[in-house]
Amino acid sequence: MVLIIKKKIADKRVIWLIRMILANFSSQEKGMPLGNLTSQFFANVYLNELDWFVKGTLKAKYYIRYVDDFVILESDKRKLEHYKKEIDIFLDNKLKLQLHKDKSRIFKLGASINFLDLRIFYSHKLLKESNLRRMKLTLKILKEKYANNDIGYDSAYDFLEGWIAYAKHANTCKLRKKIIADFESEFPDAISSKEINRHINKKEN
């Protein structure tokens, strides 16, 4: 990865820092170091090589990538099989990576696919059940911490606000309304500084 990053960054001090960050990722693990704050930057720099290969060499017209997840749309199944084989070879030879054996599959357009923690259908998008369970569990933990005065209301509200912003990418209008109503009923007396500022700003505008 460092050799690829050197093509874009010449400062030796920055390269040294990048080496230190990457060294913290266990050498026994295989794949991209996606757990730290620099993960998206490194993934985009490193997998930019894949982008050029898919678009420039394979000439795939409809290609979408977000960090280490990507999708190729094509009407010819044989082309997709060819793309998959060539990408697997490219990743192994050039980037020392491998496609995920279970997740790298060819789907018909009418079937749902899992992408960015969403279940994407031809006509709509849904949240994965596992995502919803994690959200409810986190809210339960935050509620308990709030009741014990371990956290303030803003901490719980910030989490909910972030999740709602993510959930808007799926067809979740009724679900979001219910989650917000449940949240407000569980924190009936709490008024956050953020909400006060919003009300003030609304009045000023």
C-alpha atoms as a PDB file:
ATOM      1  CA  MET A   1       0.000   0.000   0.000  1.00  0.00           C
ATOM      2  CA  VAL A   2       2.808   2.425   0.888  1.00  0.00           C
ATOM      3  CA  LEU A   3       4.263   2.180  -2.633  1.00  0.00           C
ATOM      4  CA  ILE A   4       0.918   3.206  -4.093  1.00  0.00           C
ATOM      5  CA  ILE A   5       0.501   6.059  -1.603  1.00  0.00           C
ATOM      6  CA  LYS A   6       4.001   7.305  -2.476  1.00  0.00           C
ATOM      7  CA  LYS A   7       2.725   8.037  -5.990  1.00  0.00           C
ATOM      8  CA  LYS A   8       0.488  10.715  -4.459  1.00  0.00           C
ATOM      9  CA  ILE A   9       2.425  11.838  -1.376  1.00  0.00           C
ATOM     10  CA  ALA A  10       6.112  12.829  -1.438  1.00  0.00           C
ATOM     11  CA  ASP A  11       6.546  14.074   2.143  1.00  0.00           C
ATOM     12  CA  LYS A  12       8.740  11.512   3.963  1.00  0.00           C
ATOM     13  CA  ARG A  13       7.292  12.478   7.343  1.00  0.00           C
ATOM     14  CA  VAL A  14       3.765  11.690   6.153  1.00  0.00           C
ATOM     15  CA  ILE A  15       4.941   8.389   4.667  1.00  0.00           C
ATOM     16  CA  TRP A  16       6.592   7.506   8.000  1.00  0.00           C
ATOM     17  CA  LEU A  17       3.346   8.278   9.850  1.00  0.00           C
ATOM     18  CA  ILE A  18       1.359   6.147   7.399  1.00  0.00           C
ATOM     19  CA  ARG A  19       3.768   3.247   7.969  1.00  0.00           C
ATOM     20  CA  MET A  20       3.208   3.553  11.729  1.00  0.00           C
ATOM     21  CA  ILE A  21      -0.575   3.552  11.317  1.00  0.00           C
ATOM     22  CA  LEU A  22      -0.508   0.534   9.023  1.00  0.00           C
ATOM     23  CA  ALA A  23       1.860  -1.283  11.395  1.00  0.00           C
ATOM     24  CA  ASN A  24      -0.864  -1.172  14.060  1.00  0.00           C
ATOM     25  CA  PHE A  25      -3.005  -3.401  11.867  1.00  0.00           C
ATOM     26  CA  SER A  26      -2.306  -7.021  12.800  1.00  0.00           C
ATOM     27  CA  SER A  27      -0.033  -8.661  10.240  1.00  0.00           C
ATOM     28  CA  GLN A  28      -1.875 -11.940  10.840  1.00  0.00           C
ATOM     29  CA  GLU A  29      -5.076 -10.544   9.395  1.00  0.00           C
ATOM     30  CA  LYS A  30      -5.734 -10.343   5.686  1.00  0.00           C
ATOM     31  CA  GLY A  31      -7.499  -7.504   3.931  1.00  0.00           C
ATOM     32  CA  MET A  32      -7.939  -3.768   4.295  1.00  0.00           C
ATOM     33  CA  PRO A  33      -7.448  -2.126   7.754  1.00  0.00           C
ATOM     34  CA  LEU A  34     -11.024  -0.830   8.027  1.00  0.00           C
ATOM     35  CA  GLY A  35     -11.214  -0.258  11.762  1.00  0.00           C
ATOM     36  CA  ASN A  36      -9.341   3.027  12.141  1.00  0.00           C
ATOM     37  CA  LEU A  37     -10.079   6.646  11.252  1.00  0.00           C
ATOM     38  CA  THR A  38      -7.856   6.614   8.173  1.00  0.00           C
ATOM     39  CA  SER A  39      -9.451   3.487   6.710  1.00  0.00           C
ATOM     40  CA  GLN A  40     -11.594   5.196   4.069  1.00  0.00           C
ATOM     41  CA  PHE A  41      -8.671   7.267   2.825  1.00  0.00           C
ATOM     42  CA  PHE A  42      -6.374   4.244   2.568  1.00  0.00           C
ATOM     43  CA  ALA A  43      -9.075   2.112   0.945  1.00  0.00           C
ATOM     44  CA  ASN A  44      -9.817   4.772  -1.661  1.00  0.00           C
ATOM     45  CA  VAL A  45      -6.137   5.280  -2.490  1.00  0.00           C
ATOM     46  CA  TYR A  46      -5.349   1.566  -2.581  1.00  0.00           C
ATOM     47  CA  LEU A  47      -8.480   0.445  -4.409  1.00  0.00           C
ATOM     48  CA  ASN A  48      -8.189   3.297  -6.882  1.00  0.00           C
ATOM     49  CA  GLU A  49      -6.004   0.770  -8.721  1.00  0.00           C
ATOM     50  CA  LEU A  50      -9.028  -1.521  -8.936  1.00  0.00           C
ATOM     51  CA  ASP A  51     -11.196   1.338 -10.213  1.00  0.00           C
ATOM     52  CA  TRP A  52      -8.793   1.983 -13.076  1.00  0.00           C
ATOM     53  CA  PHE A  53      -8.633  -1.715 -13.903  1.00  0.00           C
ATOM     54  CA  VAL A  54     -12.414  -2.194 -13.946  1.00  0.00           C
ATOM     55  CA  LYS A  55     -13.155   0.983 -15.893  1.00  0.00           C
ATOM     56  CA  GLY A  56     -10.022   1.256 -18.010  1.00  0.00           C
ATOM     57  CA  THR A  57      -9.098  -2.343 -18.769  1.00  0.00           C
ATOM     58  CA  LEU A  58     -12.331  -4.298 -18.413  1.00  0.00           C
ATOM     59  CA  LYS A  59     -14.395  -1.361 -19.727  1.00  0.00           C
ATOM     60  CA  ALA A  60     -17.249  -2.092 -17.316  1.00  0.00           C
ATOM     61  CA  LYS A  61     -19.831   0.641 -17.874  1.00  0.00           C
ATOM     62  CA  TYR A  62     -21.817   0.483 -14.635  1.00  0.00           C
ATOM     63  CA  TYR A  63     -19.422   0.184 -11.697  1.00  0.00           C
ATOM     64  CA  ILE A  64     -20.035   1.452  -8.154  1.00  0.00           C
ATOM     65  CA  ARG A  65     -17.589   1.250  -5.240  1.00  0.00           C
ATOM     66  CA  TYR A  66     -17.761   2.465  -1.649  1.00  0.00           C
ATOM     67  CA  VAL A  67     -14.590   1.684   0.349  1.00  0.00           C
ATOM     68  CA  ASP A  68     -14.238  -2.106  -0.048  1.00  0.00           C
ATOM     69  CA  ASP A  69     -17.755  -2.835  -1.363  1.00  0.00           C
ATOM     70  CA  PHE A  70     -18.434  -2.644  -5.090  1.00  0.00           C
ATOM     71  CA  VAL A  71     -21.120  -3.589  -7.593  1.00  0.00           C
ATOM     72  CA  ILE A  72     -21.009  -4.059 -11.370  1.00  0.00           C
ATOM     73  CA  LEU A  73     -24.230  -4.007 -13.404  1.00  0.00           C
ATOM     74  CA  GLU A  74     -24.311  -5.852 -16.704  1.00  0.00           C
ATOM     75  CA  SER A  75     -27.031  -7.576 -18.772  1.00  0.00           C
ATOM     76  CA  ASP A  76     -24.714 -10.333 -20.025  1.00  0.00           C
ATOM     77  CA  LYS A  77     -24.042 -12.991 -17.382  1.00  0.00           C
ATOM     78  CA  ARG A  78     -20.987 -14.261 -19.266  1.00  0.00           C
ATOM     79  CA  LYS A  79     -19.443 -10.796 -19.093  1.00  0.00           C
ATOM     80  CA  LEU A  80     -20.011 -10.692 -15.349  1.00  0.00           C
ATOM     81  CA  GLU A  81     -18.368 -14.088 -14.955  1.00  0.00           C
ATOM     82  CA  HIS A  82     -15.415 -12.810 -16.998  1.00  0.00           C
ATOM     83  CA  TYR A  83     -15.214  -9.626 -14.898  1.00  0.00           C
ATOM     84  CA  LYS A  84     -15.277 -11.634 -11.675  1.00  0.00           C
ATOM     85  CA  LYS A  85     -12.485 -13.926 -12.841  1.00  0.00           C
ATOM     86  CA  GLU A  86     -10.283 -11.069 -14.078  1.00  0.00           C
ATOM     87  CA  ILE A  87     -10.862  -8.960 -10.951  1.00  0.00           C
ATOM     88  CA  ASP A  88      -9.940 -11.912  -8.753  1.00  0.00           C
ATOM     89  CA  ILE A  89      -6.676 -12.361 -10.669  1.00  0.00           C
ATOM     90  CA  PHE A  90      -5.925  -8.624 -10.598  1.00  0.00           C
ATOM     91  CA  LEU A  91      -6.528  -8.303  -6.852  1.00  0.00           C
ATOM     92  CA  ASP A  92      -4.386 -11.321  -6.080  1.00  0.00           C
ATOM     93  CA  ASN A  93      -1.476 -10.345  -8.343  1.00  0.00           C
ATOM     94  CA  LYS A  94      -1.434  -6.563  -7.953  1.00  0.00           C
ATOM     95  CA  LEU A  95      -2.933  -5.784  -4.540  1.00  0.00           C
ATOM     96  CA  LYS A  96      -2.517  -9.061  -2.634  1.00  0.00           C
ATOM     97  CA  LEU A  97      -6.249  -9.122  -1.900  1.00  0.00           C
ATOM     98  CA  GLN A  98      -9.008 -11.620  -2.603  1.00  0.00           C
ATOM     99  CA  LEU A  99     -12.701 -11.343  -3.326  1.00  0.00           C
ATOM    100  CA  HIS A 100     -14.900 -12.526  -0.470  1.00  0.00           C
ATOM    101  CA  LYS A 101     -15.961 -16.048  -1.439  1.00  0.00           C
ATOM    102  CA  ASP A 102     -19.460 -15.799   0.059  1.00  0.00           C
ATOM    103  CA  LYS A 103     -20.286 -12.188  -0.821  1.00  0.00           C
ATOM    104  CA  SER A 104     -18.881 -12.097  -4.376  1.00  0.00           C
ATOM    105  CA  ARG A 105     -21.822 -13.437  -6.348  1.00  0.00           C
ATOM    106  CA  ILE A 106     -23.781 -12.789  -9.533  1.00  0.00           C
ATOM    107  CA  PHE A 107     -27.414 -11.827  -8.958  1.00  0.00           C
ATOM    108  CA  LYS A 108     -30.387 -11.291 -11.200  1.00  0.00           C
ATOM    109  CA  LEU A 109     -31.675  -7.732 -11.160  1.00  0.00           C
ATOM    110  CA  GLY A 110     -34.958  -8.805  -9.535  1.00  0.00           C
ATOM    111  CA  ALA A 111     -33.196 -10.340  -6.526  1.00  0.00           C
ATOM    112  CA  SER A 112     -32.082  -8.321  -3.528  1.00  0.00           C
ATOM    113  CA  ILE A 113     -28.428  -7.650  -2.822  1.00  0.00           C
ATOM    114  CA  ASN A 114     -26.739  -6.568   0.393  1.00  0.00           C
ATOM    115  CA  PHE A 115     -24.775  -3.360  -0.110  1.00  0.00           C
ATOM    116  CA  LEU A 116     -23.668  -0.850   2.541  1.00  0.00           C
ATOM    117  CA  ASP A 117     -25.780  -2.641   5.143  1.00  0.00           C
ATOM    118  CA  LEU A 118     -28.906  -2.248   2.995  1.00  0.00           C
ATOM    119  CA  ARG A 119     -31.054  -4.810   1.204  1.00  0.00           C
ATOM    120  CA  ILE A 120     -31.404  -3.316  -2.260  1.00  0.00           C
ATOM    121  CA  PHE A 121     -34.217  -4.445  -4.551  1.00  0.00           C
ATOM    122  CA  TYR A 122     -35.013  -3.293  -8.071  1.00  0.00           C
ATOM    123  CA  SER A 123     -37.783  -0.966  -6.865  1.00  0.00           C
ATOM    124  CA  HIS A 124     -36.882  -0.169  -3.246  1.00  0.00           C
ATOM    125  CA  LYS A 125     -34.330  -0.424  -0.445  1.00  0.00           C
ATOM    126  CA  LEU A 126     -34.690  -1.853   3.059  1.00  0.00           C
ATOM    127  CA  LEU A 127     -32.499  -1.921   6.137  1.00  0.00           C
ATOM    128  CA  LYS A 128     -30.986  -5.246   7.072  1.00  0.00           C
ATOM    129  CA  GLU A 129     -32.581  -6.821  10.144  1.00  0.00           C
ATOM    130  CA  SER A 130     -29.148  -7.031  11.779  1.00  0.00           C
ATOM    131  CA  ASN A 131     -28.754  -3.249  11.418  1.00  0.00           C
ATOM    132  CA  LEU A 132     -32.106  -2.633  13.086  1.00  0.00           C
ATOM    133  CA  ARG A 133     -31.257  -5.017  15.929  1.00  0.00           C
ATOM    134  CA  ARG A 134     -27.921  -3.287  16.533  1.00  0.00           C
ATOM    135  CA  MET A 135     -29.605   0.112  16.575  1.00  0.00           C
ATOM    136  CA  LYS A 136     -32.246  -0.993  19.108  1.00  0.00           C
ATOM    137  CA  LEU A 137     -29.632  -2.625  21.324  1.00  0.00           C
ATOM    138  CA  THR A 138     -27.468   0.510  21.265  1.00  0.00           C
ATOM    139  CA  LEU A 139     -30.457   2.707  22.146  1.00  0.00           C
ATOM    140  CA  LYS A 140     -31.303   0.377  25.028  1.00  0.00           C
ATOM    141  CA  ILE A 141     -27.752   0.651  26.371  1.00  0.00           C
ATOM    142  CA  LEU A 142     -27.770   4.441  25.975  1.00  0.00           C
ATOM    143  CA  LYS A 143     -31.095   4.667  27.791  1.00  0.00           C
ATOM    144  CA  GLU A 144     -29.691   2.677  30.717  1.00  0.00           C
ATOM    145  CA  LYS A 145     -26.585   4.865  30.851  1.00  0.00           C
ATOM    146  CA  TYR A 146     -28.749   7.982  30.738  1.00  0.00           C
ATOM    147  CA  ALA A 147     -30.905   6.672  33.608  1.00  0.00           C
ATOM    148  CA  ASN A 148     -27.729   6.110  35.647  1.00  0.00           C
ATOM    149  CA  ASN A 149     -26.444   9.611  34.796  1.00  0.00           C
ATOM    150  CA  ASP A 150     -23.452   8.106  32.975  1.00  0.00           C
ATOM    151  CA  ILE A 151     -24.216  10.092  29.830  1.00  0.00           C
ATOM    152  CA  GLY A 152     -26.200  13.166  28.904  1.00  0.00           C
ATOM    153  CA  TYR A 153     -29.231  13.339  26.635  1.00  0.00           C
ATOM    154  CA  ASP A 154     -27.144  14.722  23.772  1.00  0.00           C
ATOM    155  CA  SER A 155     -25.120  11.507  23.553  1.00  0.00           C
ATOM    156  CA  ALA A 156     -28.261   9.457  22.952  1.00  0.00           C
ATOM    157  CA  TYR A 157     -29.694  12.082  20.620  1.00  0.00           C
ATOM    158  CA  ASP A 158     -26.479  12.248  18.558  1.00  0.00           C
ATOM    159  CA  PHE A 159     -26.601   8.503  17.990  1.00  0.00           C
ATOM    160  CA  LEU A 160     -30.261   8.576  16.965  1.00  0.00           C
ATOM    161  CA  GLU A 161     -29.702  11.561  14.664  1.00  0.00           C
ATOM    162  CA  GLY A 162     -26.823   9.754  12.913  1.00  0.00           C
ATOM    163  CA  TRP A 163     -28.824   6.576  12.519  1.00  0.00           C
ATOM    164  CA  ILE A 164     -31.855   8.446  11.153  1.00  0.00           C
ATOM    165  CA  ALA A 165     -29.627  10.166   8.570  1.00  0.00           C
ATOM    166  CA  TYR A 166     -28.375   6.742   7.478  1.00  0.00           C
ATOM    167  CA  ALA A 167     -31.850   5.141   7.498  1.00  0.00           C
ATOM    168  CA  LYS A 168     -33.132   7.838   5.119  1.00  0.00           C
ATOM    169  CA  HIS A 169     -31.237   6.078   2.326  1.00  0.00           C
ATOM    170  CA  ALA A 170     -33.776   3.236   2.538  1.00  0.00           C
ATOM    171  CA  ASN A 171     -37.573   3.184   2.321  1.00  0.00           C
ATOM    172  CA  THR A 172     -38.038   3.708   6.057  1.00  0.00           C
ATOM    173  CA  CYS A 173     -40.395   6.653   6.485  1.00  0.00           C
ATOM    174  CA  LYS A 174     -42.859   4.837   8.784  1.00  0.00           C
ATOM    175  CA  LEU A 175     -40.060   3.088  10.647  1.00  0.00           C
ATOM    176  CA  ARG A 176     -38.199   6.354  11.297  1.00  0.00           C
ATOM    177  CA  LYS A 177     -41.367   8.027  12.593  1.00  0.00           C
ATOM    178  CA  LYS A 178     -41.961   5.139  14.984  1.00  0.00           C
ATOM    179  CA  ILE A 179     -38.357   5.096  16.205  1.00  0.00           C
ATOM    180  CA  ILE A 180     -38.430   8.865  16.822  1.00  0.00           C
ATOM    181  CA  ALA A 181     -41.800   8.629  18.645  1.00  0.00           C
ATOM    182  CA  ASP A 182     -40.497   5.799  20.845  1.00  0.00           C
ATOM    183  CA  PHE A 183     -37.332   7.782  21.558  1.00  0.00           C
ATOM    184  CA  GLU A 184     -39.271  10.885  22.597  1.00  0.00           C
ATOM    185  CA  SER A 185     -41.508   8.818  24.877  1.00  0.00           C
ATOM    186  CA  GLU A 186     -38.461   7.290  26.578  1.00  0.00           C
ATOM    187  CA  PHE A 187     -36.879  10.723  27.179  1.00  0.00           C
ATOM    188  CA  PRO A 188     -39.993  12.807  27.964  1.00  0.00           C
ATOM    189  CA  ASP A 189     -38.353  15.396  30.212  1.00  0.00           C
ATOM    190  CA  ALA A 190     -35.010  15.743  28.459  1.00  0.00           C
ATOM    191  CA  ILE A 191     -34.345  18.863  26.415  1.00  0.00           C
ATOM    192  CA  SER A 192     -30.941  18.990  24.763  1.00  0.00           C
ATOM    193  CA  SER A 193     -28.883  22.065  24.094  1.00  0.00           C
ATOM    194  CA  LYS A 194     -29.005  21.140  20.393  1.00  0.00           C
ATOM    195  CA  GLU A 195     -32.810  21.234  20.399  1.00  0.00           C
ATOM    196  CA  ILE A 196     -32.852  24.572  22.234  1.00  0.00           C
ATOM    197  CA  ASN A 197     -30.460  26.066  19.669  1.00  0.00           C
ATOM    198  CA  ARG A 198     -32.602  24.724  16.835  1.00  0.00           C
ATOM    199  CA  HIS A 199     -35.722  26.332  18.269  1.00  0.00           C
ATOM    200  CA  ILE A 200     -33.818  29.627  18.731  1.00  0.00           C
ATOM    201  CA  ASN A 201     -32.517  29.503  15.163  1.00  0.00           C
ATOM    202  CA  LYS A 202     -36.009  28.789  13.819  1.00  0.00           C
ATOM    203  CA  LYS A 203     -37.390  31.828  15.649  1.00  0.00           C
ATOM    204  CA  GLU A 204     -34.549  34.033  14.427  1.00  0.00           C
ATOM    205  CA  ASN A 205     -35.099  32.920  10.828  1.00  0.00           C
END
